[in-house]
Amino acid sequence: MDLSNLTNTPGARHRQKRVGRGCGSGMGKTSTRGHKGQNARKGHKQKLGFEGGQMPLVRRLPKRGFNNARFRVEALAVNVATLEKLFNAGDEITIETLAAKGLSDNKRPRVKILATGELTKKFTVKVPCSAAAKAKIEAAGGTVA
């Protein structure tokens, strides 16, 4: 097999519909647009969800529920394994020390320590932690303030 005998699968490509090419083509005169009306006009494009003036479905259905997306503040997740790798035993871990190591930034000032990974070093943590992370830090001899 080489480039000279590559072909499309039968039915994979369709011929372009050529409208407005005379009566004999079957698509002359009105060019498949029907007679008069909104859809027959040139440059016509309806808004998404437009139903010809009828009240759109989106507006007919009642609004329900609450979405907190606009107000949600996401915390940056930092795992215990990352602390093990970047900090020395006995270090105090605050938002400032995490930022100094490049783990947090001004865009997301909230940080939360999560429990993924193993911990052998002893830290003093002054950042919010998950319950499992707190247990791991205290099991290693550290403290969570």
N, C-alpha and C. Protein backbone atom coordinates (compact mmCIF):
# COMPACT_ATOMS: atom_id res chain seq x y z
N MET A 1 0.84 -1.18 0.00
CA MET A 1 0.00 0.00 0.00
C MET A 1 0.89 1.24 0.00
N ASP A 2 0.56 2.21 -0.84
CA ASP A 2 1.29 3.48 -0.86
C ASP A 2 0.31 4.62 -1.14
N LEU A 3 0.82 5.84 -1.23
CA LEU A 3 -0.04 7.02 -1.37
C LEU A 3 -0.85 7.02 -2.66
N SER A 4 -0.37 6.31 -3.69
CA SER A 4 -1.06 6.35 -4.98
C SER A 4 -2.38 5.56 -4.98
N ASN A 5 -2.56 4.65 -4.04
CA ASN A 5 -3.81 3.89 -4.06
C ASN A 5 -4.65 4.08 -2.81
N LEU A 6 -4.49 5.24 -2.13
CA LEU A 6 -5.37 5.58 -1.01
C LEU A 6 -6.67 6.16 -1.54
N THR A 7 -7.79 5.69 -1.05
CA THR A 7 -9.09 6.24 -1.44
C THR A 7 -9.98 6.36 -0.21
N ASN A 8 -11.03 7.15 -0.33
CA ASN A 8 -12.01 7.28 0.74
C ASN A 8 -12.90 6.06 0.78
N THR A 9 -13.43 5.78 1.95
CA THR A 9 -14.43 4.73 2.09
C THR A 9 -15.67 5.17 1.32
N PRO A 10 -16.34 4.28 0.60
CA PRO A 10 -17.56 4.69 -0.13
C PRO A 10 -18.58 5.29 0.83
N GLY A 11 -19.10 6.47 0.44
CA GLY A 11 -20.09 7.16 1.27
C GLY A 11 -19.48 8.12 2.28
N ALA A 12 -18.16 8.19 2.34
CA ALA A 12 -17.53 9.07 3.32
C ALA A 12 -17.58 10.53 2.89
N ARG A 13 -17.57 10.76 1.57
CA ARG A 13 -17.62 12.14 1.07
C ARG A 13 -18.88 12.34 0.25
N HIS A 14 -19.53 13.48 0.46
CA HIS A 14 -20.77 13.79 -0.25
C HIS A 14 -20.52 14.96 -1.21
N ARG A 15 -21.20 14.94 -2.35
CA ARG A 15 -21.06 16.06 -3.27
C ARG A 15 -21.72 17.29 -2.70
N GLN A 16 -21.12 18.45 -2.94
CA GLN A 16 -21.66 19.71 -2.45
C GLN A 16 -22.98 20.00 -3.15
N LYS A 17 -23.98 20.49 -2.38
CA LYS A 17 -25.27 20.85 -2.96
C LYS A 17 -25.10 22.20 -3.66
N ARG A 18 -25.26 22.23 -5.00
CA ARG A 18 -25.10 23.48 -5.75
C ARG A 18 -26.49 24.03 -6.04
N VAL A 19 -26.86 25.06 -5.31
CA VAL A 19 -28.21 25.62 -5.45
C VAL A 19 -28.19 26.84 -6.36
N GLY A 20 -29.36 27.17 -6.91
CA GLY A 20 -29.49 28.35 -7.76
C GLY A 20 -28.82 28.19 -9.10
N ARG A 21 -28.84 26.99 -9.68
CA ARG A 21 -28.19 26.75 -10.96
C ARG A 21 -29.20 26.33 -12.03
N GLY A 22 -30.37 26.94 -12.02
CA GLY A 22 -31.37 26.69 -13.06
C GLY A 22 -32.40 25.64 -12.67
N CYS A 23 -33.53 25.70 -13.40
CA CYS A 23 -34.67 24.83 -13.09
C CYS A 23 -34.32 23.36 -13.25
N GLY A 24 -33.50 23.02 -14.25
CA GLY A 24 -33.18 21.62 -14.52
C GLY A 24 -32.44 20.94 -13.38
N SER A 25 -31.79 21.72 -12.54
CA SER A 25 -31.02 21.12 -11.45
C SER A 25 -31.93 20.63 -10.32
N GLY A 26 -33.16 21.12 -10.30
CA GLY A 26 -34.07 20.78 -9.21
C GLY A 26 -33.88 21.68 -8.01
N MET A 27 -32.89 22.55 -8.07
CA MET A 27 -32.64 23.46 -6.95
C MET A 27 -32.44 24.87 -7.47
N GLY A 28 -33.23 25.24 -8.47
CA GLY A 28 -33.15 26.58 -9.03
C GLY A 28 -34.16 27.49 -8.37
N LYS A 29 -34.44 28.61 -8.98
CA LYS A 29 -35.41 29.61 -8.54
C LYS A 29 -35.25 29.98 -7.06
N THR A 30 -35.91 29.28 -6.16
CA THR A 30 -35.85 29.69 -4.75
C THR A 30 -34.66 29.06 -4.02
N SER A 31 -33.88 28.25 -4.70
CA SER A 31 -32.66 27.66 -4.13
C SER A 31 -32.91 26.92 -2.81
N THR A 32 -33.93 26.08 -2.81
CA THR A 32 -34.29 25.21 -1.67
C THR A 32 -34.74 25.97 -0.44
N ARG A 33 -35.06 27.27 -0.58
CA ARG A 33 -35.45 28.05 0.60
C ARG A 33 -36.97 28.17 0.75
N GLY A 34 -37.74 27.63 -0.16
CA GLY A 34 -39.19 27.79 -0.07
C GLY A 34 -39.60 29.15 -0.59
N HIS A 35 -40.88 29.54 -0.35
CA HIS A 35 -41.39 30.81 -0.85
C HIS A 35 -41.57 31.81 0.27
N LYS A 36 -40.95 32.96 0.13
CA LYS A 36 -41.05 34.09 1.06
C LYS A 36 -40.77 33.68 2.52
N GLY A 37 -41.05 34.57 3.40
CA GLY A 37 -40.90 34.28 4.82
C GLY A 37 -39.50 34.55 5.35
N GLN A 38 -39.39 34.45 6.66
CA GLN A 38 -38.18 34.81 7.37
C GLN A 38 -36.96 34.01 6.90
N ASN A 39 -37.15 32.71 6.68
CA ASN A 39 -36.01 31.86 6.32
C ASN A 39 -35.59 32.01 4.87
N ALA A 40 -36.41 32.66 4.04
CA ALA A 40 -36.07 32.82 2.63
C ALA A 40 -35.17 34.03 2.40
N ARG A 41 -35.07 34.89 3.39
CA ARG A 41 -34.34 36.15 3.20
C ARG A 41 -32.83 35.95 3.25
N LYS A 42 -32.14 36.84 2.55
CA LYS A 42 -30.68 36.77 2.51
C LYS A 42 -30.10 37.23 3.85
N GLY A 43 -28.99 36.64 4.25
CA GLY A 43 -28.32 37.04 5.48
C GLY A 43 -29.07 36.62 6.73
N HIS A 44 -30.05 35.75 6.56
CA HIS A 44 -30.88 35.39 7.71
C HIS A 44 -30.18 34.39 8.60
N LYS A 45 -30.10 34.70 9.88
CA LYS A 45 -29.58 33.75 10.85
C LYS A 45 -30.29 34.00 12.17
N GLN A 46 -30.95 32.97 12.69
CA GLN A 46 -31.68 33.15 13.94
C GLN A 46 -30.77 32.97 15.13
N LYS A 47 -31.20 33.57 16.26
CA LYS A 47 -30.48 33.38 17.50
C LYS A 47 -30.62 31.93 17.94
N LEU A 48 -29.66 31.45 18.69
CA LEU A 48 -29.72 30.11 19.23
C LEU A 48 -30.93 30.00 20.15
N GLY A 49 -31.76 29.00 19.92
CA GLY A 49 -32.94 28.80 20.76
C GLY A 49 -34.15 29.60 20.32
N PHE A 50 -34.05 30.34 19.20
CA PHE A 50 -35.19 31.12 18.70
C PHE A 50 -36.24 30.18 18.13
N GLU A 51 -37.51 30.41 18.49
CA GLU A 51 -38.58 29.52 18.07
C GLU A 51 -39.65 30.26 17.29
N GLY A 52 -39.25 31.20 16.46
CA GLY A 52 -40.20 31.89 15.59
C GLY A 52 -41.12 32.84 16.30
N GLY A 53 -40.74 33.35 17.44
CA GLY A 53 -41.58 34.28 18.19
C GLY A 53 -42.33 33.60 19.32
N GLN A 54 -42.46 32.29 19.25
CA GLN A 54 -43.06 31.54 20.37
C GLN A 54 -42.13 31.67 21.57
N MET A 55 -42.69 31.64 22.76
CA MET A 55 -41.88 31.73 23.98
C MET A 55 -40.89 30.55 24.00
N PRO A 56 -39.59 30.82 24.00
CA PRO A 56 -38.60 29.74 23.91
C PRO A 56 -38.66 28.78 25.10
N LEU A 57 -38.25 27.58 24.86
CA LEU A 57 -38.29 26.54 25.88
C LEU A 57 -37.53 26.97 27.14
N VAL A 58 -36.40 27.62 26.95
CA VAL A 58 -35.58 28.06 28.08
C VAL A 58 -36.36 29.01 28.97
N ARG A 59 -37.24 29.82 28.39
CA ARG A 59 -38.03 30.77 29.19
C ARG A 59 -39.34 30.17 29.68
N ARG A 60 -39.79 29.08 29.04
CA ARG A 60 -41.03 28.43 29.49
C ARG A 60 -40.81 27.60 30.75
N LEU A 61 -39.60 27.08 30.92
CA LEU A 61 -39.32 26.24 32.07
C LEU A 61 -38.97 27.09 33.28
N PRO A 62 -39.38 26.66 34.48
CA PRO A 62 -39.08 27.46 35.67
C PRO A 62 -37.61 27.39 36.05
N LYS A 63 -37.13 28.44 36.71
CA LYS A 63 -35.77 28.44 37.22
C LYS A 63 -35.77 27.64 38.51
N ARG A 64 -34.76 26.78 38.66
CA ARG A 64 -34.72 25.96 39.87
C ARG A 64 -33.30 25.85 40.39
N GLY A 65 -33.18 25.67 41.68
CA GLY A 65 -31.89 25.37 42.28
C GLY A 65 -31.02 26.59 42.50
N PHE A 66 -29.83 26.31 42.98
CA PHE A 66 -28.87 27.36 43.31
C PHE A 66 -27.51 26.94 42.77
N ASN A 67 -26.80 27.88 42.19
CA ASN A 67 -25.47 27.59 41.67
C ASN A 67 -24.48 28.54 42.34
N ASN A 68 -23.52 27.96 43.01
CA ASN A 68 -22.57 28.76 43.79
C ASN A 68 -21.32 29.14 43.00
N ALA A 69 -21.31 28.86 41.69
CA ALA A 69 -20.09 29.02 40.90
C ALA A 69 -19.52 30.43 40.96
N ARG A 70 -20.36 31.46 40.99
CA ARG A 70 -19.85 32.83 41.00
C ARG A 70 -19.15 33.19 42.30
N PHE A 71 -19.56 32.56 43.41
CA PHE A 71 -19.06 32.95 44.72
C PHE A 71 -18.03 31.99 45.30
N ARG A 72 -17.82 30.85 44.61
CA ARG A 72 -16.92 29.84 45.14
C ARG A 72 -15.48 30.34 45.14
N VAL A 73 -14.78 30.09 46.23
CA VAL A 73 -13.36 30.40 46.31
C VAL A 73 -12.63 29.07 46.43
N GLU A 74 -11.82 28.75 45.44
CA GLU A 74 -11.16 27.45 45.44
C GLU A 74 -9.85 27.51 46.21
N ALA A 75 -9.63 26.48 46.99
CA ALA A 75 -8.37 26.37 47.73
C ALA A 75 -7.37 25.57 46.90
N LEU A 76 -6.12 25.96 46.98
CA LEU A 76 -5.06 25.26 46.28
C LEU A 76 -4.66 24.05 47.11
N ALA A 77 -4.71 22.85 46.53
CA ALA A 77 -4.41 21.63 47.27
C ALA A 77 -2.90 21.38 47.28
N VAL A 78 -2.36 21.15 48.48
CA VAL A 78 -0.96 20.79 48.64
C VAL A 78 -0.92 19.49 49.43
N ASN A 79 -0.28 18.47 48.87
CA ASN A 79 -0.25 17.17 49.52
C ASN A 79 0.88 17.06 50.53
N VAL A 80 0.70 16.14 51.48
CA VAL A 80 1.70 15.90 52.52
C VAL A 80 3.03 15.46 51.90
N ALA A 81 2.95 14.69 50.81
CA ALA A 81 4.17 14.23 50.13
C ALA A 81 4.99 15.41 49.60
N THR A 82 4.32 16.46 49.15
CA THR A 82 5.00 17.66 48.65
C THR A 82 5.73 18.36 49.80
N LEU A 83 5.08 18.43 50.97
CA LEU A 83 5.73 19.05 52.13
C LEU A 83 6.97 18.25 52.53
N GLU A 84 6.84 16.93 52.48
CA GLU A 84 7.96 16.03 52.81
C GLU A 84 9.16 16.31 51.91
N LYS A 85 8.86 16.56 50.63
CA LYS A 85 9.92 16.75 49.64
C LYS A 85 10.58 18.14 49.76
N LEU A 86 9.79 19.18 50.00
CA LEU A 86 10.30 20.55 49.91
C LEU A 86 10.77 21.17 51.22
N PHE A 87 10.28 20.67 52.35
CA PHE A 87 10.62 21.29 53.63
C PHE A 87 11.52 20.38 54.46
N ASN A 88 12.29 21.01 55.35
CA ASN A 88 13.15 20.27 56.27
C ASN A 88 12.39 19.97 57.56
N ALA A 89 12.87 18.99 58.31
CA ALA A 89 12.24 18.63 59.58
C ALA A 89 12.31 19.83 60.53
N GLY A 90 11.20 20.07 61.24
CA GLY A 90 11.15 21.17 62.20
C GLY A 90 10.72 22.50 61.61
N ASP A 91 10.52 22.57 60.29
CA ASP A 91 10.10 23.83 59.66
C ASP A 91 8.67 24.19 60.05
N GLU A 92 8.42 25.50 60.03
CA GLU A 92 7.06 25.99 60.26
C GLU A 92 6.44 26.26 58.88
N ILE A 93 5.27 25.70 58.65
CA ILE A 93 4.63 25.84 57.34
C ILE A 93 3.47 26.82 57.45
N THR A 94 3.63 27.95 56.75
CA THR A 94 2.58 28.97 56.67
C THR A 94 2.33 29.27 55.20
N ILE A 95 1.35 30.12 54.94
CA ILE A 95 1.05 30.49 53.56
C ILE A 95 2.26 31.20 52.94
N GLU A 96 2.97 32.00 53.74
CA GLU A 96 4.14 32.72 53.23
C GLU A 96 5.28 31.76 52.84
N THR A 97 5.52 30.74 53.68
CA THR A 97 6.60 29.79 53.35
C THR A 97 6.22 28.94 52.14
N LEU A 98 4.93 28.62 52.01
CA LEU A 98 4.48 27.88 50.82
C LEU A 98 4.65 28.73 49.56
N ALA A 99 4.35 30.03 49.66
CA ALA A 99 4.52 30.93 48.52
C ALA A 99 5.99 31.08 48.16
N ALA A 100 6.86 31.10 49.17
CA ALA A 100 8.29 31.21 48.93
C ALA A 100 8.83 29.99 48.18
N LYS A 101 8.24 28.83 48.42
CA LYS A 101 8.65 27.60 47.73
C LYS A 101 7.94 27.44 46.38
N GLY A 102 7.05 28.39 46.05
CA GLY A 102 6.36 28.36 44.76
C GLY A 102 5.11 27.49 44.74
N LEU A 103 4.56 27.18 45.91
CA LEU A 103 3.38 26.31 45.96
C LEU A 103 2.07 27.08 45.92
N SER A 104 2.06 28.36 46.25
CA SER A 104 0.83 29.15 46.19
C SER A 104 1.13 30.48 45.53
N ASP A 105 0.08 31.19 45.18
CA ASP A 105 0.26 32.50 44.53
C ASP A 105 -0.83 33.45 45.01
N ASN A 106 -0.79 34.68 44.50
CA ASN A 106 -1.75 35.69 44.92
C ASN A 106 -3.14 35.45 44.34
N LYS A 107 -3.20 34.72 43.22
CA LYS A 107 -4.50 34.47 42.59
C LYS A 107 -5.38 33.57 43.45
N ARG A 108 -4.73 32.57 44.10
CA ARG A 108 -5.48 31.67 44.99
C ARG A 108 -4.80 31.66 46.35
N PRO A 109 -5.14 32.64 47.21
CA PRO A 109 -4.45 32.72 48.49
C PRO A 109 -4.84 31.61 49.46
N ARG A 110 -5.95 30.92 49.22
CA ARG A 110 -6.35 29.85 50.11
C ARG A 110 -5.60 28.57 49.77
N VAL A 111 -5.11 27.92 50.80
CA VAL A 111 -4.36 26.67 50.63
C VAL A 111 -4.92 25.65 51.60
N LYS A 112 -4.95 24.39 51.19
CA LYS A 112 -5.37 23.32 52.10
C LYS A 112 -4.42 22.14 51.95
N ILE A 113 -3.97 21.63 53.08
CA ILE A 113 -3.07 20.48 53.07
C ILE A 113 -3.92 19.20 53.00
N LEU A 114 -3.60 18.34 52.03
CA LEU A 114 -4.31 17.07 51.88
C LEU A 114 -3.38 15.91 52.22
N ALA A 115 -3.96 14.73 52.41
CA ALA A 115 -3.21 13.62 53.02
C ALA A 115 -2.54 12.66 52.05
N THR A 116 -2.44 12.97 50.77
CA THR A 116 -1.83 12.04 49.82
C THR A 116 -0.33 11.95 50.04
N GLY A 117 0.19 10.74 50.18
CA GLY A 117 1.62 10.52 50.36
C GLY A 117 1.98 10.18 51.80
N GLU A 118 3.25 9.86 51.98
CA GLU A 118 3.75 9.49 53.31
C GLU A 118 4.49 10.68 53.93
N LEU A 119 4.52 10.70 55.27
CA LEU A 119 5.17 11.80 55.99
C LEU A 119 6.02 11.22 57.11
N THR A 120 7.31 11.57 57.14
CA THR A 120 8.20 11.11 58.19
C THR A 120 8.79 12.29 58.98
N LYS A 121 8.79 13.47 58.39
CA LYS A 121 9.37 14.65 59.04
C LYS A 121 8.36 15.31 59.96
N LYS A 122 8.89 16.08 60.92
CA LYS A 122 8.07 16.75 61.91
C LYS A 122 7.91 18.22 61.51
N PHE A 123 6.67 18.69 61.35
CA PHE A 123 6.40 20.07 60.94
C PHE A 123 5.47 20.75 61.92
N THR A 124 5.54 22.10 61.94
CA THR A 124 4.52 22.90 62.60
C THR A 124 3.71 23.56 61.50
N VAL A 125 2.47 23.15 61.35
CA VAL A 125 1.64 23.60 60.23
C VAL A 125 0.64 24.63 60.71
N LYS A 126 0.63 25.79 60.05
CA LYS A 126 -0.32 26.86 60.38
C LYS A 126 -1.18 27.18 59.16
N VAL A 127 -1.60 26.13 58.46
CA VAL A 127 -2.42 26.24 57.26
C VAL A 127 -3.57 25.25 57.44
N PRO A 128 -4.77 25.54 56.91
CA PRO A 128 -5.87 24.57 57.03
C PRO A 128 -5.51 23.20 56.45
N CYS A 129 -5.93 22.14 57.16
CA CYS A 129 -5.62 20.76 56.76
C CYS A 129 -6.90 19.93 56.74
N SER A 130 -6.87 18.87 55.95
CA SER A 130 -7.95 17.89 56.03
C SER A 130 -7.73 17.06 57.29
N ALA A 131 -8.77 16.36 57.74
CA ALA A 131 -8.66 15.57 58.97
C ALA A 131 -7.60 14.49 58.84
N ALA A 132 -7.54 13.84 57.66
CA ALA A 132 -6.55 12.78 57.43
C ALA A 132 -5.14 13.35 57.42
N ALA A 133 -4.95 14.54 56.85
CA ALA A 133 -3.63 15.18 56.81
C ALA A 133 -3.20 15.56 58.22
N LYS A 134 -4.13 16.05 59.00
CA LYS A 134 -3.83 16.42 60.39
C LYS A 134 -3.37 15.19 61.17
N ALA A 135 -4.06 14.06 60.95
CA ALA A 135 -3.68 12.81 61.63
C ALA A 135 -2.27 12.38 61.23
N LYS A 136 -1.94 12.49 59.94
CA LYS A 136 -0.60 12.09 59.47
C LYS A 136 0.49 13.00 60.05
N ILE A 137 0.22 14.31 60.10
CA ILE A 137 1.20 15.27 60.61
C ILE A 137 1.44 15.00 62.10
N GLU A 138 0.38 14.76 62.85
CA GLU A 138 0.53 14.51 64.30
C GLU A 138 1.15 13.15 64.56
N ALA A 139 0.90 12.18 63.68
CA ALA A 139 1.51 10.85 63.84
C ALA A 139 3.03 10.92 63.63
N ALA A 140 3.46 11.87 62.78
CA ALA A 140 4.90 12.04 62.51
C ALA A 140 5.58 12.88 63.59
N GLY A 141 4.78 13.38 64.56
CA GLY A 141 5.35 14.17 65.68
C GLY A 141 5.19 15.66 65.49
N GLY A 142 4.49 16.10 64.44
CA GLY A 142 4.30 17.52 64.19
C GLY A 142 3.05 18.05 64.88
N THR A 143 2.82 19.35 64.69
CA THR A 143 1.62 19.98 65.28
C THR A 143 0.88 20.76 64.21
N VAL A 144 -0.44 20.84 64.38
CA VAL A 144 -1.28 21.63 63.49
C VAL A 144 -1.95 22.70 64.31
N ALA A 145 -1.70 23.97 63.97
CA ALA A 145 -2.27 25.08 64.73
C ALA A 145 -3.56 25.57 64.11
